[in-house]
Amino acid sequence: MLHDLIRLALALAVGGALTIGYLTFRIWDQGGRDEARRADAIVVLGAAQYNGWPSPLFQARLAHAVELYEAGLAPLFIVTGGKGRPGDATTEAAAARAYAVAHGVPAEAIIGEDRSRTTVEQIRTVGAMLRERGLRSVVVVSDRSHMLRSLRIMRDQGITAFGSPTTKSRTGTNLVELAKDTVHEIGGLGHYFLTGS
């Protein structure tokens, strides 16, 4: 019996290691690809903001999305994100809108959702907004480590999604941060696959 338990524990450990290795490869592989192309909209996934000003990580996403908009990839610029903390005076979406307008994106080209707290909430709301307008394709802008999960959720909403990760955020320039974010994303993917949230 003890021998069987040891074999089972070893099998579980090997299986777990292989699963983590595979997910790490998929996260890094997707995060290393820029699939930017013509689409109905560019979607910038929200991140922290401080008193109306995007955090450095969020600024990196927004700067990349503005470059894609200026290149003519899509006529619509979608910003996302609610209040990250109780007491916040504004939302991630509002900070993103202000940044985009200040960097040349016409206000009339920007739509947003400002109630979400998680990636899943952001993408489900955006999916509904796109379906209401008869739009079917997007370029998703986020960080390298965040692309695999974001694209999977977007595609589960029935939207054709292409990833265009920023290379200027901390996960694009710092291997330690990339490793930390990869661990977070492995957990996020597992949670999404198990619970759908």
N, C-alpha and C. Protein backbone atom coordinates (compact mmCIF):
# COMPACT_ATOMS: atom_id res chain seq x y z
N MET A 1 0.83 -1.21 0.00
CA MET A 1 0.00 0.00 0.00
C MET A 1 0.87 1.26 0.00
N LEU A 2 1.90 1.27 0.86
CA LEU A 2 2.80 2.42 0.91
C LEU A 2 3.49 2.63 -0.43
N HIS A 3 3.87 1.51 -1.04
CA HIS A 3 4.53 1.59 -2.36
C HIS A 3 3.59 2.23 -3.39
N ASP A 4 2.31 1.85 -3.35
CA ASP A 4 1.33 2.41 -4.29
C ASP A 4 1.12 3.91 -4.03
N LEU A 5 1.10 4.31 -2.76
CA LEU A 5 0.93 5.72 -2.44
C LEU A 5 2.12 6.55 -2.91
N ILE A 6 3.32 6.00 -2.77
CA ILE A 6 4.52 6.71 -3.24
C ILE A 6 4.47 6.86 -4.75
N ARG A 7 4.08 5.80 -5.44
CA ARG A 7 3.98 5.87 -6.91
C ARG A 7 2.93 6.91 -7.34
N LEU A 8 1.80 6.94 -6.62
CA LEU A 8 0.76 7.91 -6.94
C LEU A 8 1.26 9.34 -6.71
N ALA A 9 1.96 9.55 -5.58
CA ALA A 9 2.49 10.88 -5.29
C ALA A 9 3.50 11.31 -6.34
N LEU A 10 4.35 10.39 -6.77
CA LEU A 10 5.33 10.70 -7.82
C LEU A 10 4.64 11.03 -9.14
N ALA A 11 3.62 10.26 -9.46
CA ALA A 11 2.88 10.50 -10.71
C ALA A 11 2.21 11.88 -10.67
N LEU A 12 1.63 12.22 -9.51
CA LEU A 12 1.00 13.54 -9.38
C LEU A 12 2.03 14.65 -9.48
N ALA A 13 3.19 14.46 -8.86
CA ALA A 13 4.25 15.48 -8.91
C ALA A 13 4.75 15.67 -10.34
N VAL A 14 4.98 14.56 -11.04
CA VAL A 14 5.44 14.65 -12.43
C VAL A 14 4.37 15.30 -13.30
N GLY A 15 3.12 14.88 -13.10
CA GLY A 15 2.02 15.47 -13.88
C GLY A 15 1.88 16.96 -13.61
N GLY A 16 2.01 17.36 -12.35
CA GLY A 16 1.93 18.76 -12.01
C GLY A 16 3.07 19.56 -12.63
N ALA A 17 4.27 19.02 -12.58
CA ALA A 17 5.43 19.71 -13.16
C ALA A 17 5.27 19.86 -14.66
N LEU A 18 4.78 18.80 -15.32
CA LEU A 18 4.58 18.88 -16.77
C LEU A 18 3.51 19.91 -17.13
N THR A 19 2.44 19.95 -16.34
CA THR A 19 1.38 20.93 -16.60
C THR A 19 1.89 22.36 -16.43
N ILE A 20 2.64 22.60 -15.35
CA ILE A 20 3.20 23.94 -15.12
C ILE A 20 4.18 24.30 -16.23
N GLY A 21 5.00 23.33 -16.64
CA GLY A 21 5.94 23.58 -17.73
C GLY A 21 5.23 23.92 -19.03
N TYR A 22 4.18 23.18 -19.34
CA TYR A 22 3.43 23.43 -20.57
C TYR A 22 2.76 24.81 -20.54
N LEU A 23 2.13 25.14 -19.40
CA LEU A 23 1.47 26.45 -19.29
C LEU A 23 2.49 27.60 -19.37
N THR A 24 3.64 27.41 -18.76
CA THR A 24 4.69 28.44 -18.85
C THR A 24 5.11 28.65 -20.29
N PHE A 25 5.31 27.54 -21.00
CA PHE A 25 5.68 27.64 -22.42
C PHE A 25 4.60 28.38 -23.20
N ARG A 26 3.32 28.03 -22.98
CA ARG A 26 2.22 28.65 -23.73
C ARG A 26 2.10 30.15 -23.40
N ILE A 27 2.27 30.51 -22.13
CA ILE A 27 2.20 31.92 -21.73
C ILE A 27 3.31 32.72 -22.40
N TRP A 28 4.53 32.20 -22.35
CA TRP A 28 5.67 32.92 -22.94
C TRP A 28 5.60 32.93 -24.46
N ASP A 29 5.12 31.83 -25.04
CA ASP A 29 5.01 31.77 -26.50
C ASP A 29 4.00 32.79 -27.00
N GLN A 30 2.82 32.82 -26.41
CA GLN A 30 1.80 33.78 -26.83
C GLN A 30 2.25 35.21 -26.55
N GLY A 31 2.88 35.42 -25.41
CA GLY A 31 3.35 36.75 -25.05
C GLY A 31 4.47 37.26 -25.94
N GLY A 32 5.13 36.37 -26.63
CA GLY A 32 6.21 36.77 -27.52
C GLY A 32 5.76 37.03 -28.94
N ARG A 33 4.46 36.86 -29.21
CA ARG A 33 3.94 37.06 -30.56
C ARG A 33 3.11 38.32 -30.66
N ASP A 34 3.36 39.11 -31.68
CA ASP A 34 2.53 40.28 -31.97
C ASP A 34 1.69 39.95 -33.19
N GLU A 35 0.39 39.77 -32.97
CA GLU A 35 -0.53 39.38 -34.04
C GLU A 35 -1.33 40.57 -34.58
N ALA A 36 -0.88 41.78 -34.27
CA ALA A 36 -1.64 42.98 -34.65
C ALA A 36 -1.97 42.99 -36.13
N ARG A 37 -3.23 43.29 -36.43
CA ARG A 37 -3.74 43.37 -37.80
C ARG A 37 -5.04 44.16 -37.79
N ARG A 38 -5.58 44.43 -38.96
CA ARG A 38 -6.84 45.17 -39.06
C ARG A 38 -7.94 44.42 -38.29
N ALA A 39 -8.71 45.18 -37.53
CA ALA A 39 -9.80 44.59 -36.75
C ALA A 39 -10.87 45.66 -36.53
N ASP A 40 -11.97 45.26 -35.90
CA ASP A 40 -13.05 46.21 -35.63
C ASP A 40 -12.70 47.16 -34.50
N ALA A 41 -11.87 46.70 -33.56
CA ALA A 41 -11.56 47.55 -32.40
C ALA A 41 -10.23 47.14 -31.79
N ILE A 42 -9.62 48.09 -31.10
CA ILE A 42 -8.46 47.83 -30.24
C ILE A 42 -8.98 47.86 -28.81
N VAL A 43 -8.67 46.83 -28.03
CA VAL A 43 -9.12 46.75 -26.64
C VAL A 43 -7.90 46.83 -25.73
N VAL A 44 -7.89 47.84 -24.87
CA VAL A 44 -6.81 47.99 -23.89
C VAL A 44 -7.32 47.51 -22.54
N LEU A 45 -6.75 46.45 -22.02
CA LEU A 45 -7.20 45.93 -20.74
C LEU A 45 -6.67 46.80 -19.60
N GLY A 46 -7.54 47.07 -18.64
CA GLY A 46 -7.23 48.00 -17.56
C GLY A 46 -6.17 47.49 -16.61
N ALA A 47 -5.56 48.43 -15.91
CA ALA A 47 -4.60 48.16 -14.84
C ALA A 47 -4.68 49.34 -13.88
N ALA A 48 -3.83 49.34 -12.88
CA ALA A 48 -3.93 50.34 -11.83
C ALA A 48 -3.79 51.77 -12.35
N GLN A 49 -4.52 52.67 -11.68
CA GLN A 49 -4.38 54.11 -11.94
C GLN A 49 -4.28 54.80 -10.59
N TYR A 50 -3.62 55.94 -10.61
CA TYR A 50 -3.42 56.70 -9.37
C TYR A 50 -3.95 58.12 -9.57
N ASN A 51 -5.09 58.40 -8.93
CA ASN A 51 -5.70 59.74 -9.02
C ASN A 51 -5.86 60.21 -10.46
N GLY A 52 -6.30 59.30 -11.31
CA GLY A 52 -6.57 59.67 -12.70
C GLY A 52 -5.40 59.51 -13.65
N TRP A 53 -4.25 59.10 -13.14
CA TRP A 53 -3.09 58.92 -14.00
C TRP A 53 -2.73 57.45 -14.05
N PRO A 54 -2.62 56.86 -15.25
CA PRO A 54 -2.31 55.43 -15.35
C PRO A 54 -0.97 55.08 -14.72
N SER A 55 -0.92 53.93 -14.06
CA SER A 55 0.34 53.42 -13.52
C SER A 55 1.33 53.19 -14.67
N PRO A 56 2.62 53.05 -14.38
CA PRO A 56 3.59 52.78 -15.45
C PRO A 56 3.22 51.57 -16.31
N LEU A 57 2.73 50.51 -15.67
CA LEU A 57 2.33 49.32 -16.42
C LEU A 57 1.16 49.66 -17.36
N PHE A 58 0.18 50.41 -16.85
CA PHE A 58 -0.98 50.78 -17.65
C PHE A 58 -0.57 51.75 -18.76
N GLN A 59 0.33 52.67 -18.46
CA GLN A 59 0.82 53.59 -19.49
C GLN A 59 1.48 52.83 -20.64
N ALA A 60 2.22 51.78 -20.32
CA ALA A 60 2.88 50.99 -21.37
C ALA A 60 1.84 50.35 -22.28
N ARG A 61 0.76 49.84 -21.70
CA ARG A 61 -0.32 49.26 -22.51
C ARG A 61 -0.95 50.34 -23.39
N LEU A 62 -1.26 51.48 -22.78
CA LEU A 62 -1.94 52.55 -23.51
C LEU A 62 -1.07 53.12 -24.63
N ALA A 63 0.21 53.33 -24.35
CA ALA A 63 1.10 53.87 -25.38
C ALA A 63 1.16 52.95 -26.58
N HIS A 64 1.20 51.64 -26.32
CA HIS A 64 1.22 50.68 -27.43
C HIS A 64 -0.09 50.70 -28.20
N ALA A 65 -1.20 50.77 -27.48
CA ALA A 65 -2.52 50.81 -28.13
C ALA A 65 -2.67 52.07 -28.98
N VAL A 66 -2.18 53.20 -28.49
CA VAL A 66 -2.25 54.44 -29.27
C VAL A 66 -1.45 54.29 -30.57
N GLU A 67 -0.28 53.65 -30.49
CA GLU A 67 0.52 53.42 -31.71
C GLU A 67 -0.27 52.58 -32.72
N LEU A 68 -0.98 51.56 -32.23
CA LEU A 68 -1.78 50.71 -33.13
C LEU A 68 -2.91 51.52 -33.75
N TYR A 69 -3.54 52.38 -32.93
CA TYR A 69 -4.62 53.21 -33.46
C TYR A 69 -4.08 54.16 -34.53
N GLU A 70 -2.95 54.79 -34.26
CA GLU A 70 -2.35 55.71 -35.22
C GLU A 70 -1.95 55.01 -36.52
N ALA A 71 -1.65 53.72 -36.41
CA ALA A 71 -1.29 52.94 -37.60
C ALA A 71 -2.52 52.55 -38.41
N GLY A 72 -3.71 52.87 -37.90
CA GLY A 72 -4.94 52.61 -38.64
C GLY A 72 -5.47 51.20 -38.53
N LEU A 73 -5.10 50.48 -37.45
CA LEU A 73 -5.54 49.09 -37.34
C LEU A 73 -7.02 48.94 -37.04
N ALA A 74 -7.63 49.94 -36.40
CA ALA A 74 -9.06 49.82 -36.06
C ALA A 74 -9.63 51.22 -35.86
N PRO A 75 -10.93 51.39 -36.13
CA PRO A 75 -11.55 52.71 -35.95
C PRO A 75 -12.04 52.96 -34.53
N LEU A 76 -12.07 51.90 -33.70
CA LEU A 76 -12.63 52.00 -32.36
C LEU A 76 -11.56 51.66 -31.33
N PHE A 77 -11.53 52.44 -30.26
CA PHE A 77 -10.52 52.30 -29.19
C PHE A 77 -11.29 52.04 -27.90
N ILE A 78 -11.17 50.83 -27.34
CA ILE A 78 -11.97 50.45 -26.18
C ILE A 78 -11.08 50.40 -24.94
N VAL A 79 -11.51 51.13 -23.89
CA VAL A 79 -10.79 51.13 -22.62
C VAL A 79 -11.64 50.44 -21.57
N THR A 80 -10.97 49.84 -20.59
CA THR A 80 -11.69 49.03 -19.61
C THR A 80 -11.16 49.29 -18.19
N GLY A 81 -11.98 48.93 -17.23
CA GLY A 81 -11.55 48.94 -15.84
C GLY A 81 -12.32 49.88 -14.95
N GLY A 82 -12.76 49.35 -13.82
CA GLY A 82 -13.47 50.16 -12.83
C GLY A 82 -12.53 50.72 -11.79
N LYS A 83 -13.04 50.92 -10.60
CA LYS A 83 -12.24 51.42 -9.48
C LYS A 83 -11.51 50.23 -8.85
N GLY A 84 -10.19 50.35 -8.76
CA GLY A 84 -9.39 49.26 -8.24
C GLY A 84 -9.46 49.12 -6.73
N ARG A 85 -9.65 50.25 -6.04
CA ARG A 85 -9.66 50.24 -4.58
C ARG A 85 -10.82 51.09 -4.07
N PRO A 86 -11.38 50.73 -2.93
CA PRO A 86 -12.41 51.59 -2.34
C PRO A 86 -11.83 52.98 -2.10
N GLY A 87 -12.59 53.99 -2.40
CA GLY A 87 -12.12 55.35 -2.19
C GLY A 87 -11.46 55.96 -3.40
N ASP A 88 -11.21 55.17 -4.46
CA ASP A 88 -10.65 55.75 -5.68
C ASP A 88 -11.59 56.82 -6.21
N ALA A 89 -11.01 57.93 -6.65
CA ALA A 89 -11.82 59.04 -7.15
C ALA A 89 -12.26 58.82 -8.59
N THR A 90 -11.57 57.96 -9.30
CA THR A 90 -11.91 57.73 -10.70
C THR A 90 -11.65 56.27 -11.05
N THR A 91 -11.90 55.93 -12.30
CA THR A 91 -11.77 54.55 -12.73
C THR A 91 -10.58 54.38 -13.67
N GLU A 92 -10.19 53.13 -13.84
CA GLU A 92 -9.13 52.82 -14.80
C GLU A 92 -9.54 53.26 -16.21
N ALA A 93 -10.79 53.03 -16.57
CA ALA A 93 -11.27 53.40 -17.91
C ALA A 93 -11.20 54.91 -18.12
N ALA A 94 -11.57 55.68 -17.09
CA ALA A 94 -11.52 57.14 -17.22
C ALA A 94 -10.09 57.62 -17.37
N ALA A 95 -9.17 57.05 -16.60
CA ALA A 95 -7.76 57.42 -16.72
C ALA A 95 -7.23 57.05 -18.10
N ALA A 96 -7.65 55.89 -18.61
CA ALA A 96 -7.22 55.45 -19.94
C ALA A 96 -7.77 56.37 -21.03
N ARG A 97 -9.02 56.74 -20.90
CA ARG A 97 -9.62 57.66 -21.88
C ARG A 97 -8.86 58.99 -21.91
N ALA A 98 -8.58 59.55 -20.74
CA ALA A 98 -7.87 60.83 -20.68
C ALA A 98 -6.48 60.71 -21.31
N TYR A 99 -5.80 59.61 -21.03
CA TYR A 99 -4.46 59.40 -21.60
C TYR A 99 -4.55 59.31 -23.13
N ALA A 100 -5.50 58.52 -23.62
CA ALA A 100 -5.63 58.32 -25.06
C ALA A 100 -5.95 59.64 -25.78
N VAL A 101 -6.88 60.41 -25.22
CA VAL A 101 -7.23 61.70 -25.83
C VAL A 101 -6.02 62.63 -25.83
N ALA A 102 -5.29 62.66 -24.71
CA ALA A 102 -4.11 63.52 -24.62
C ALA A 102 -3.02 63.11 -25.62
N HIS A 103 -3.09 61.86 -26.08
CA HIS A 103 -2.08 61.38 -27.02
C HIS A 103 -2.64 61.21 -28.43
N GLY A 104 -3.73 61.92 -28.72
CA GLY A 104 -4.17 62.04 -30.10
C GLY A 104 -5.31 61.16 -30.56
N VAL A 105 -5.85 60.31 -29.69
CA VAL A 105 -7.00 59.49 -30.10
C VAL A 105 -8.26 60.33 -29.97
N PRO A 106 -9.06 60.49 -31.04
CA PRO A 106 -10.27 61.31 -30.95
C PRO A 106 -11.25 60.76 -29.90
N ALA A 107 -11.82 61.66 -29.10
CA ALA A 107 -12.73 61.23 -28.04
C ALA A 107 -13.89 60.41 -28.59
N GLU A 108 -14.35 60.76 -29.81
CA GLU A 108 -15.50 60.04 -30.38
C GLU A 108 -15.15 58.61 -30.81
N ALA A 109 -13.86 58.30 -30.89
CA ALA A 109 -13.44 56.94 -31.26
C ALA A 109 -13.33 56.02 -30.06
N ILE A 110 -13.47 56.59 -28.85
CA ILE A 110 -13.23 55.83 -27.62
C ILE A 110 -14.54 55.45 -26.95
N ILE A 111 -14.67 54.18 -26.62
CA ILE A 111 -15.77 53.73 -25.76
C ILE A 111 -15.15 52.93 -24.63
N GLY A 112 -15.90 52.75 -23.56
CA GLY A 112 -15.32 52.03 -22.45
C GLY A 112 -16.34 51.44 -21.51
N GLU A 113 -15.82 50.61 -20.64
CA GLU A 113 -16.63 50.08 -19.54
C GLU A 113 -15.86 50.40 -18.26
N ASP A 114 -16.58 50.83 -17.23
CA ASP A 114 -15.90 51.33 -16.04
C ASP A 114 -16.41 50.72 -14.74
N ARG A 115 -16.88 49.48 -14.81
CA ARG A 115 -17.40 48.83 -13.60
C ARG A 115 -16.64 47.56 -13.23
N SER A 116 -15.84 47.03 -14.12
CA SER A 116 -15.21 45.73 -13.88
C SER A 116 -14.07 45.82 -12.87
N ARG A 117 -13.83 44.70 -12.20
CA ARG A 117 -12.73 44.61 -11.24
C ARG A 117 -11.72 43.54 -11.64
N THR A 118 -12.07 42.66 -12.57
CA THR A 118 -11.19 41.56 -12.96
C THR A 118 -11.09 41.47 -14.48
N THR A 119 -10.11 40.71 -14.94
CA THR A 119 -9.94 40.50 -16.38
C THR A 119 -11.19 39.87 -16.98
N VAL A 120 -11.74 38.87 -16.31
CA VAL A 120 -12.93 38.19 -16.83
C VAL A 120 -14.10 39.17 -16.95
N GLU A 121 -14.30 39.99 -15.93
CA GLU A 121 -15.39 40.98 -15.99
C GLU A 121 -15.17 41.97 -17.12
N GLN A 122 -13.93 42.46 -17.27
CA GLN A 122 -13.62 43.40 -18.35
C GLN A 122 -13.99 42.80 -19.70
N ILE A 123 -13.51 41.58 -19.94
CA ILE A 123 -13.67 40.98 -21.27
C ILE A 123 -15.12 40.58 -21.53
N ARG A 124 -15.82 40.09 -20.52
CA ARG A 124 -17.23 39.74 -20.74
C ARG A 124 -18.05 40.98 -21.08
N THR A 125 -17.77 42.09 -20.40
CA THR A 125 -18.49 43.33 -20.69
C THR A 125 -18.15 43.83 -22.09
N VAL A 126 -16.87 43.80 -22.44
CA VAL A 126 -16.46 44.22 -23.78
C VAL A 126 -17.09 43.31 -24.83
N GLY A 127 -17.14 42.02 -24.58
CA GLY A 127 -17.77 41.09 -25.52
C GLY A 127 -19.22 41.47 -25.78
N ALA A 128 -19.95 41.80 -24.71
CA ALA A 128 -21.35 42.21 -24.87
C ALA A 128 -21.45 43.50 -25.67
N MET A 129 -20.56 44.47 -25.39
CA MET A 129 -20.56 45.74 -26.12
C MET A 129 -20.30 45.51 -27.61
N LEU A 130 -19.38 44.62 -27.92
CA LEU A 130 -19.05 44.35 -29.32
C LEU A 130 -20.23 43.68 -30.02
N ARG A 131 -20.83 42.69 -29.36
CA ARG A 131 -21.95 41.98 -29.97
C ARG A 131 -23.12 42.93 -30.23
N GLU A 132 -23.38 43.85 -29.31
CA GLU A 132 -24.47 44.82 -29.50
C GLU A 132 -24.25 45.68 -30.74
N ARG A 133 -22.99 45.93 -31.08
CA ARG A 133 -22.66 46.77 -32.23
C ARG A 133 -22.39 45.96 -33.49
N GLY A 134 -22.54 44.64 -33.41
CA GLY A 134 -22.29 43.78 -34.57
C GLY A 134 -20.82 43.68 -34.94
N LEU A 135 -19.93 43.90 -33.96
CA LEU A 135 -18.49 43.83 -34.21
C LEU A 135 -17.97 42.46 -33.81
N ARG A 136 -16.98 41.97 -34.55
CA ARG A 136 -16.56 40.60 -34.34
C ARG A 136 -15.07 40.39 -34.09
N SER A 137 -14.24 41.39 -34.31
CA SER A 137 -12.80 41.17 -34.20
C SER A 137 -12.12 42.29 -33.42
N VAL A 138 -11.10 41.92 -32.66
CA VAL A 138 -10.38 42.90 -31.85
C VAL A 138 -8.88 42.58 -31.82
N VAL A 139 -8.10 43.63 -31.61
CA VAL A 139 -6.71 43.48 -31.21
C VAL A 139 -6.66 43.77 -29.72
N VAL A 140 -6.21 42.81 -28.94
CA VAL A 140 -6.16 42.95 -27.48
C VAL A 140 -4.76 43.41 -27.08
N VAL A 141 -4.70 44.49 -26.29
CA VAL A 141 -3.43 45.01 -25.80
C VAL A 141 -3.34 44.80 -24.29
N SER A 142 -2.28 44.11 -23.89
CA SER A 142 -1.99 43.93 -22.47
C SER A 142 -0.50 43.63 -22.34
N ASP A 143 -0.12 43.01 -21.24
CA ASP A 143 1.28 42.63 -21.03
C ASP A 143 1.54 41.25 -21.60
N ARG A 144 2.80 40.94 -21.81
CA ARG A 144 3.17 39.66 -22.42
C ARG A 144 2.58 38.48 -21.65
N SER A 145 2.74 38.47 -20.34
CA SER A 145 2.30 37.32 -19.56
C SER A 145 0.77 37.21 -19.49
N HIS A 146 0.08 38.30 -19.76
CA HIS A 146 -1.38 38.36 -19.63
C HIS A 146 -2.11 37.98 -20.92
N MET A 147 -1.38 37.83 -22.02
CA MET A 147 -2.02 37.67 -23.32
C MET A 147 -2.76 36.34 -23.47
N LEU A 148 -2.17 35.24 -23.06
CA LEU A 148 -2.79 33.93 -23.29
C LEU A 148 -4.17 33.86 -22.64
N ARG A 149 -4.24 34.23 -21.36
CA ARG A 149 -5.52 34.17 -20.65
C ARG A 149 -6.52 35.15 -21.25
N SER A 150 -6.07 36.36 -21.56
CA SER A 150 -6.97 37.38 -22.11
C SER A 150 -7.56 36.93 -23.44
N LEU A 151 -6.73 36.38 -24.31
CA LEU A 151 -7.22 35.92 -25.62
C LEU A 151 -8.17 34.74 -25.47
N ARG A 152 -7.86 33.84 -24.55
CA ARG A 152 -8.74 32.69 -24.33
C ARG A 152 -10.13 33.15 -23.88
N ILE A 153 -10.17 34.09 -22.93
CA ILE A 153 -11.47 34.57 -22.44
C ILE A 153 -12.21 35.31 -23.55
N MET A 154 -11.49 36.13 -24.31
CA MET A 154 -12.13 36.87 -25.41
C MET A 154 -12.71 35.90 -26.44
N ARG A 155 -11.96 34.88 -26.80
CA ARG A 155 -12.46 33.91 -27.78
C ARG A 155 -13.63 33.11 -27.24
N ASP A 156 -13.65 32.87 -25.92
CA ASP A 156 -14.80 32.21 -25.30
C ASP A 156 -16.05 33.08 -25.37
N GLN A 157 -15.88 34.39 -25.60
CA GLN A 157 -17.01 35.31 -25.79
C GLN A 157 -17.48 35.33 -27.24
N GLY A 158 -16.85 34.54 -28.09
CA GLY A 158 -17.24 34.48 -29.50
C GLY A 158 -16.63 35.58 -30.34
N ILE A 159 -15.58 36.23 -29.83
CA ILE A 159 -14.92 37.32 -30.54
C ILE A 159 -13.60 36.81 -31.13
N THR A 160 -13.34 37.15 -32.38
CA THR A 160 -12.04 36.83 -32.99
C THR A 160 -11.02 37.82 -32.41
N ALA A 161 -10.03 37.30 -31.70
CA ALA A 161 -9.10 38.15 -30.96
C ALA A 161 -7.66 37.87 -31.36
N PHE A 162 -6.91 38.96 -31.55
CA PHE A 162 -5.49 38.89 -31.87
C PHE A 162 -4.72 39.64 -30.79
N GLY A 163 -3.64 39.07 -30.33
CA GLY A 163 -2.87 39.69 -29.26
C GLY A 163 -1.77 40.60 -29.77
N SER A 164 -1.61 41.74 -29.11
CA SER A 164 -0.50 42.64 -29.41
C SER A 164 0.05 43.13 -28.08
N PRO A 165 0.97 42.37 -27.48
CA PRO A 165 1.47 42.74 -26.16
C PRO A 165 2.44 43.92 -26.22
N THR A 166 2.37 44.76 -25.20
CA THR A 166 3.37 45.81 -25.10
C THR A 166 4.70 45.18 -24.66
N THR A 167 5.78 45.69 -25.17
CA THR A 167 7.10 45.22 -24.76
C THR A 167 7.77 46.22 -23.81
N LYS A 168 7.03 47.28 -23.47
CA LYS A 168 7.63 48.34 -22.65
C LYS A 168 7.23 48.26 -21.19
N SER A 169 6.38 47.32 -20.83
CA SER A 169 6.01 47.20 -19.42
C SER A 169 7.08 46.39 -18.70
N ARG A 170 6.91 46.25 -17.38
CA ARG A 170 7.93 45.56 -16.58
C ARG A 170 8.10 44.11 -17.03
N THR A 171 7.01 43.46 -17.51
CA THR A 171 7.14 42.07 -17.93
C THR A 171 7.82 41.95 -19.28
N GLY A 172 7.94 43.05 -20.00
CA GLY A 172 8.64 43.01 -21.27
C GLY A 172 10.12 43.28 -21.14
N THR A 173 10.54 43.80 -19.98
CA THR A 173 11.93 44.22 -19.84
C THR A 173 12.64 43.59 -18.65
N ASN A 174 11.92 42.92 -17.76
CA ASN A 174 12.51 42.41 -16.52
C ASN A 174 12.13 40.95 -16.33
N LEU A 175 13.12 40.06 -16.37
CA LEU A 175 12.85 38.62 -16.28
C LEU A 175 12.27 38.22 -14.93
N VAL A 176 12.70 38.88 -13.87
CA VAL A 176 12.16 38.56 -12.54
C VAL A 176 10.67 38.87 -12.50
N GLU A 177 10.29 40.05 -13.01
CA GLU A 177 8.88 40.42 -13.05
C GLU A 177 8.10 39.49 -13.96
N LEU A 178 8.70 39.09 -15.08
CA LEU A 178 8.03 38.15 -15.99
C LEU A 178 7.77 36.83 -15.29
N ALA A 179 8.75 36.35 -14.52
CA ALA A 179 8.58 35.09 -13.79
C ALA A 179 7.45 35.21 -12.76
N LYS A 180 7.42 36.33 -12.01
CA LYS A 180 6.35 36.53 -11.02
C LYS A 180 4.99 36.56 -11.69
N ASP A 181 4.91 37.31 -12.78
CA ASP A 181 3.63 37.43 -13.48
C ASP A 181 3.22 36.11 -14.12
N THR A 182 4.20 35.31 -14.53
CA THR A 182 3.88 33.99 -15.10
C THR A 182 3.24 33.10 -14.05
N VAL A 183 3.78 33.11 -12.83
CA VAL A 183 3.19 32.32 -11.74
C VAL A 183 1.75 32.79 -11.49
N HIS A 184 1.55 34.11 -11.48
CA HIS A 184 0.20 34.66 -11.29
C HIS A 184 -0.73 34.18 -12.41
N GLU A 185 -0.24 34.19 -13.64
CA GLU A 185 -1.09 33.80 -14.77
C GLU A 185 -1.40 32.31 -14.78
N ILE A 186 -0.47 31.49 -14.33
CA ILE A 186 -0.75 30.05 -14.22
C ILE A 186 -1.92 29.85 -13.25
N GLY A 187 -1.88 30.56 -12.12
CA GLY A 187 -2.99 30.50 -11.19
C GLY A 187 -4.28 31.03 -11.79
N GLY A 188 -4.17 32.14 -12.52
CA GLY A 188 -5.35 32.72 -13.16
C GLY A 188 -5.98 31.80 -14.19
N LEU A 189 -5.14 31.15 -14.97
CA LEU A 189 -5.65 30.21 -15.98
C LEU A 189 -6.33 29.02 -15.29
N GLY A 190 -5.68 28.49 -14.26
CA GLY A 190 -6.28 27.36 -13.55
C GLY A 190 -7.62 27.73 -12.95
N HIS A 191 -7.69 28.91 -12.35
CA HIS A 191 -8.95 29.37 -11.77
C HIS A 191 -10.02 29.55 -12.83
N TYR A 192 -9.64 30.11 -13.98
CA TYR A 192 -10.62 30.33 -15.04
C TYR A 192 -11.13 28.99 -15.59
N PHE A 193 -10.21 28.04 -15.81
CA PHE A 193 -10.63 26.74 -16.35
C PHE A 193 -11.53 26.00 -15.37
N LEU A 194 -11.27 26.16 -14.07
CA LEU A 194 -12.05 25.43 -13.08
C LEU A 194 -13.38 26.10 -12.75
N THR A 195 -13.41 27.42 -12.74
CA THR A 195 -14.60 28.13 -12.28
C THR A 195 -15.27 29.00 -13.33
N GLY A 196 -14.54 29.33 -14.40
CA GLY A 196 -15.09 30.22 -15.41
C GLY A 196 -15.10 31.68 -14.98
N SER A 197 -14.37 31.98 -13.90
CA SER A 197 -14.34 33.37 -13.41
C SER A 197 -12.91 33.77 -13.09
